[in-house]
Amino acid sequence: MSEYPDAVDLENISLKKECLHEDNCRVVLQLYKKFILVVIESEGTKNLMIIDQHACDERIKVENLYMTFLHQVYDTDLRVKLAQPFDLSVPGEEIEYLTAFRPNFNSFGIDFETHETDGRVHITHLPELLIGKIANDAKFLRASILQHVWDLALHRKSAKLTGSPADWFQKIKDLPSIIMEVINSKACRSAIMFGDLLEMKDMQNMVKSLHRCQLPFQCAHGRPTITPLVDLSKQN
């Protein structure tokens, strides 16, 4: 037997959600205040893996934020009246689309008045989630609104909000891009960072929460949450 452990063949390993179940995944320790070292036994294999503590917590938080927001979309009027509405200049074709898609915008807490004769749109309401992000940046708001208009017009996103709150994960892709950006950023900023010390119970709870995620193997920005290191099945 080699004196060195066998590295995992990353091309041939398939990670499934159930490998993170507490019956299959044992937390060993925190490594360099950056990673959680775990042993995963599943389907006859035993592998040593590392979990990126920031990516892991970011995934947990982003799904909680999306779930909370989309439940509110179904159940609550998210519109917050602006003390100072935004007055935007918009071409005629896009004003027509805005009028047609107004119910969709309303679902996400965005409301406006359109004036086709002079090509103006008055943004009167935004969801609380966006008010801080937009601040007084009318140019950024205009670009964000028109981005969603064309996503709807070109069928890149669905204009109809069907289903129920239980379908929240499937509806993420149809959110306005600006809302997705804000949620992803909020999850990143609030997540556990490299350098944060974690107790054993903290790490165990994080792994349990990651197991409950819909998409547990990547963070909000697509970075892997877990990486296989060593195949322990081949060790004596």
Protein backbone atom coordinates (compact mmCIF):
# COMPACT_ATOMS: atom_id res chain seq x y z
CA MET A 1 0.00 0.00 0.00
CA SER A 2 1.19 3.53 -0.81
CA GLU A 3 2.34 5.61 2.14
CA TYR A 4 0.10 8.38 0.82
CA PRO A 5 -3.72 8.36 0.94
CA ASP A 6 -5.57 7.87 -2.32
CA ALA A 7 -6.88 11.13 -3.72
CA VAL A 8 -10.48 11.01 -4.85
CA ASP A 9 -11.07 10.74 -8.60
CA LEU A 10 -13.14 13.91 -8.96
CA GLU A 11 -14.36 12.96 -12.44
CA ASN A 12 -15.96 9.76 -11.22
CA ILE A 13 -17.44 10.86 -7.90
CA SER A 14 -21.10 11.81 -7.79
CA LEU A 15 -22.31 13.81 -4.81
CA LYS A 16 -25.93 13.41 -3.82
CA LYS A 17 -27.91 15.39 -1.28
CA GLU A 18 -28.30 12.40 1.01
CA CYS A 19 -24.55 12.18 1.55
CA LEU A 20 -24.97 15.24 3.80
CA HIS A 21 -27.54 13.55 6.03
CA GLU A 22 -26.32 13.28 9.61
CA ASP A 23 -26.39 9.47 9.33
CA ASN A 24 -23.86 9.67 6.48
CA CYS A 25 -21.81 12.76 7.29
CA ARG A 26 -19.59 13.15 10.36
CA VAL A 27 -17.94 16.47 11.20
CA VAL A 28 -14.28 16.00 12.17
CA LEU A 29 -12.95 19.51 12.83
CA GLN A 30 -12.57 23.05 11.56
CA LEU A 31 -9.50 23.60 9.39
CA TYR A 32 -7.64 26.94 9.30
CA LYS A 33 -10.88 28.72 10.30
CA LYS A 34 -11.91 28.31 6.66
CA PHE A 35 -13.11 24.77 6.13
CA ILE A 36 -15.13 22.07 7.83
CA LEU A 37 -13.49 18.67 7.53
CA VAL A 38 -16.04 15.85 7.23
CA VAL A 39 -16.11 12.11 6.61
CA ILE A 40 -18.94 10.98 4.34
CA GLU A 41 -19.97 7.35 4.09
CA SER A 42 -22.50 6.67 1.37
CA GLU A 43 -23.28 3.87 -1.09
CA GLY A 44 -20.35 1.76 0.05
CA THR A 45 -17.77 4.54 -0.14
CA LYS A 46 -16.02 6.52 2.56
CA ASN A 47 -14.50 9.87 1.64
CA LEU A 48 -12.75 12.66 3.46
CA MET A 49 -14.13 15.99 2.21
CA ILE A 50 -13.88 19.68 3.03
CA ILE A 51 -16.77 22.11 3.20
CA ASP A 52 -16.08 25.78 2.48
CA GLN A 53 -17.64 27.41 5.56
CA HIS A 54 -18.42 30.70 3.79
CA ALA A 55 -19.90 29.09 0.68
CA CYS A 56 -21.89 26.69 2.85
CA ASP A 57 -23.43 29.41 5.00
CA GLU A 58 -24.02 31.60 1.96
CA ARG A 59 -26.04 28.81 0.32
CA ILE A 60 -28.10 28.31 3.49
CA LYS A 61 -28.78 32.03 3.82
CA VAL A 62 -29.56 32.67 0.15
CA GLU A 63 -32.18 29.93 0.07
CA ASN A 64 -33.76 31.25 3.26
CA LEU A 65 -33.86 34.75 1.76
CA TYR A 66 -35.38 33.55 -1.51
CA MET A 67 -37.95 31.43 0.30
CA THR A 68 -38.95 34.31 2.58
CA PHE A 69 -39.21 36.81 -0.27
CA LEU A 70 -41.19 34.51 -2.56
CA HIS A 71 -43.59 33.56 0.22
CA GLN A 72 -44.19 37.30 0.62
CA VAL A 73 -44.71 37.64 -3.14
CA TYR A 74 -47.57 35.15 -2.92
CA ASP A 75 -49.07 36.33 0.36
CA THR A 76 -48.25 40.04 0.83
CA ASP A 77 -48.44 43.36 -0.96
CA LEU A 78 -44.73 44.23 -1.10
CA ARG A 79 -45.21 47.73 -2.48
CA VAL A 80 -43.77 50.54 -0.35
CA LYS A 81 -44.74 54.04 -1.45
CA LEU A 82 -41.74 56.22 -2.21
CA ALA A 83 -41.54 59.62 -0.56
CA GLN A 84 -39.99 60.89 -3.79
CA PRO A 85 -41.11 58.99 -6.92
CA PHE A 86 -38.65 58.46 -9.77
CA ASP A 87 -39.46 60.15 -13.08
CA LEU A 88 -37.97 58.15 -15.94
CA SER A 89 -37.83 58.69 -19.69
CA VAL A 90 -38.73 55.48 -21.55
CA PRO A 91 -39.23 54.80 -25.30
CA GLY A 92 -42.78 54.16 -26.50
CA GLU A 93 -42.40 50.44 -27.19
CA GLU A 94 -41.04 49.81 -23.71
CA ILE A 95 -43.82 51.88 -22.13
CA GLU A 96 -46.33 49.59 -23.87
CA TYR A 97 -44.54 46.56 -22.43
CA LEU A 98 -44.45 48.16 -18.99
CA THR A 99 -48.20 48.69 -19.12
CA ALA A 100 -48.78 45.10 -20.22
CA PHE A 101 -46.46 43.64 -17.59
CA ARG A 102 -47.54 45.90 -14.72
CA PRO A 103 -49.22 43.02 -12.79
CA ASN A 104 -45.92 41.14 -12.85
CA PHE A 105 -44.00 44.14 -11.51
CA ASN A 106 -46.68 44.66 -8.85
CA SER A 107 -46.17 41.09 -7.64
CA PHE A 108 -42.59 41.98 -6.75
CA GLY A 109 -43.48 45.27 -5.06
CA ILE A 110 -42.75 47.57 -8.01
CA ASP A 111 -45.46 49.97 -9.16
CA PHE A 112 -45.56 52.89 -11.56
CA GLU A 113 -47.67 55.20 -13.67
CA THR A 114 -47.07 55.28 -17.42
CA HIS A 115 -47.57 58.35 -19.62
CA GLU A 116 -47.29 57.26 -23.23
CA THR A 117 -47.91 60.73 -24.66
CA ASP A 118 -44.67 62.17 -23.30
CA GLY A 119 -42.71 58.93 -22.82
CA ARG A 120 -42.50 59.18 -19.04
CA VAL A 121 -42.79 56.56 -16.33
CA HIS A 122 -43.23 57.51 -12.67
CA ILE A 123 -41.96 54.81 -10.32
CA THR A 124 -44.14 55.22 -7.23
CA HIS A 125 -43.48 52.06 -5.22
CA LEU A 126 -40.58 49.66 -4.63
CA PRO A 127 -40.18 46.67 -2.32
CA GLU A 128 -38.29 47.34 0.91
CA LEU A 129 -35.58 45.01 -0.38
CA LEU A 130 -34.70 47.42 -3.20
CA ILE A 131 -35.09 50.83 -1.59
CA GLY A 132 -31.64 50.85 -0.01
CA LYS A 133 -30.00 49.44 -3.13
CA ILE A 134 -31.56 51.96 -5.50
CA ALA A 135 -31.12 54.98 -3.17
CA ASN A 136 -31.36 57.98 -5.52
CA ASP A 137 -29.87 56.28 -8.57
CA ALA A 138 -32.55 56.83 -11.22
CA LYS A 139 -30.25 55.64 -14.01
CA PHE A 140 -29.63 52.31 -12.27
CA LEU A 141 -33.35 51.88 -11.53
CA ARG A 142 -34.25 52.59 -15.16
CA ALA A 143 -31.75 50.01 -16.41
CA SER A 144 -33.04 47.43 -13.92
CA ILE A 145 -36.69 48.02 -14.85
CA LEU A 146 -35.99 47.81 -18.58
CA GLN A 147 -33.88 44.68 -18.11
CA HIS A 148 -36.90 42.94 -16.58
CA VAL A 149 -39.21 44.32 -19.29
CA TRP A 150 -37.12 42.69 -22.00
CA ASP A 151 -36.64 39.49 -20.02
CA LEU A 152 -40.44 39.22 -19.97
CA ALA A 153 -40.96 40.36 -23.57
CA LEU A 154 -38.42 37.85 -24.89
CA HIS A 155 -39.80 35.08 -22.64
CA ARG A 156 -36.56 34.71 -20.73
CA LYS A 157 -38.71 34.99 -17.62
CA SER A 158 -42.34 34.04 -17.11
CA ALA A 159 -44.81 36.90 -16.71
CA LYS A 160 -47.32 34.74 -14.85
CA LEU A 161 -46.88 33.91 -11.19
CA THR A 162 -48.55 30.53 -10.91
CA GLY A 163 -48.40 27.78 -8.31
CA SER A 164 -48.12 28.34 -4.58
CA PRO A 165 -45.52 29.37 -1.97
CA ALA A 166 -44.43 25.73 -1.84
CA ASP A 167 -43.09 26.20 -5.40
CA TRP A 168 -40.75 29.02 -4.35
CA PHE A 169 -37.53 27.39 -5.56
CA GLN A 170 -38.85 26.94 -9.10
CA LYS A 171 -39.85 30.62 -9.19
CA ILE A 172 -36.42 32.08 -8.41
CA LYS A 173 -35.46 32.15 -12.08
CA ASP A 174 -38.42 34.44 -12.86
CA LEU A 175 -37.54 37.13 -10.33
CA PRO A 176 -36.29 40.47 -11.69
CA SER A 177 -32.52 40.26 -12.02
CA ILE A 178 -32.01 43.23 -9.69
CA ILE A 179 -33.87 41.41 -6.90
CA MET A 180 -31.74 38.31 -7.44
CA GLU A 181 -28.57 40.41 -7.28
CA VAL A 182 -29.65 42.06 -4.03
CA ILE A 183 -30.58 38.75 -2.40
CA ASN A 184 -27.33 37.07 -3.49
CA SER A 185 -25.29 40.00 -2.22
CA LYS A 186 -27.15 40.09 1.09
CA ALA A 187 -26.52 36.36 1.60
CA CYS A 188 -22.81 36.80 0.88
CA ARG A 189 -22.36 39.76 3.24
CA SER A 190 -24.21 38.11 6.12
CA ALA A 191 -22.62 34.66 5.79
CA ILE A 192 -19.93 33.25 8.07
CA MET A 193 -16.53 34.41 6.81
CA PHE A 194 -13.08 32.88 6.59
CA GLY A 195 -11.43 33.51 9.94
CA ASP A 196 -14.60 32.92 11.97
CA LEU A 197 -14.11 30.29 14.66
CA LEU A 198 -16.79 27.60 14.73
CA GLU A 199 -17.69 25.27 17.58
CA MET A 200 -18.46 21.63 16.83
CA LYS A 201 -22.19 22.23 17.35
CA ASP A 202 -22.09 25.17 14.93
CA MET A 203 -20.51 23.01 12.23
CA GLN A 204 -22.94 20.15 12.78
CA ASN A 205 -25.89 22.52 12.51
CA MET A 206 -24.48 24.04 9.33
CA VAL A 207 -24.15 20.63 7.69
CA LYS A 208 -27.74 19.78 8.71
CA SER A 209 -28.95 23.06 7.23
CA LEU A 210 -26.95 22.50 4.04
CA HIS A 211 -28.57 19.08 3.68
CA ARG A 212 -31.99 20.76 3.75
CA CYS A 213 -31.06 23.11 0.90
CA GLN A 214 -32.50 22.62 -2.56
CA LEU A 215 -29.11 23.15 -4.21
CA PRO A 216 -26.55 22.29 -1.53
CA PHE A 217 -23.38 21.91 -3.58
CA GLN A 218 -22.81 25.49 -4.71
CA CYS A 219 -22.99 28.92 -3.11
CA ALA A 220 -25.12 31.80 -4.37
CA HIS A 221 -22.40 32.73 -6.87
CA GLY A 222 -21.73 29.20 -8.12
CA ARG A 223 -18.64 28.35 -6.04
CA PRO A 224 -18.57 24.73 -4.77
CA THR A 225 -19.54 24.26 -1.13
CA ILE A 226 -17.89 20.85 -0.76
CA THR A 227 -14.81 19.22 -2.27
CA PRO A 228 -13.76 15.55 -2.00
CA LEU A 229 -10.19 15.02 -0.81
CA VAL A 230 -9.33 11.42 -0.02
CA ASP A 231 -10.96 8.05 -0.64
CA LEU A 232 -10.79 6.39 2.76
CA SER A 233 -12.42 3.21 1.47
CA LYS A 234 -9.03 2.09 0.16
CA GLN A 235 -7.19 2.70 3.43
CA ASN A 236 -6.52 -0.03 5.97
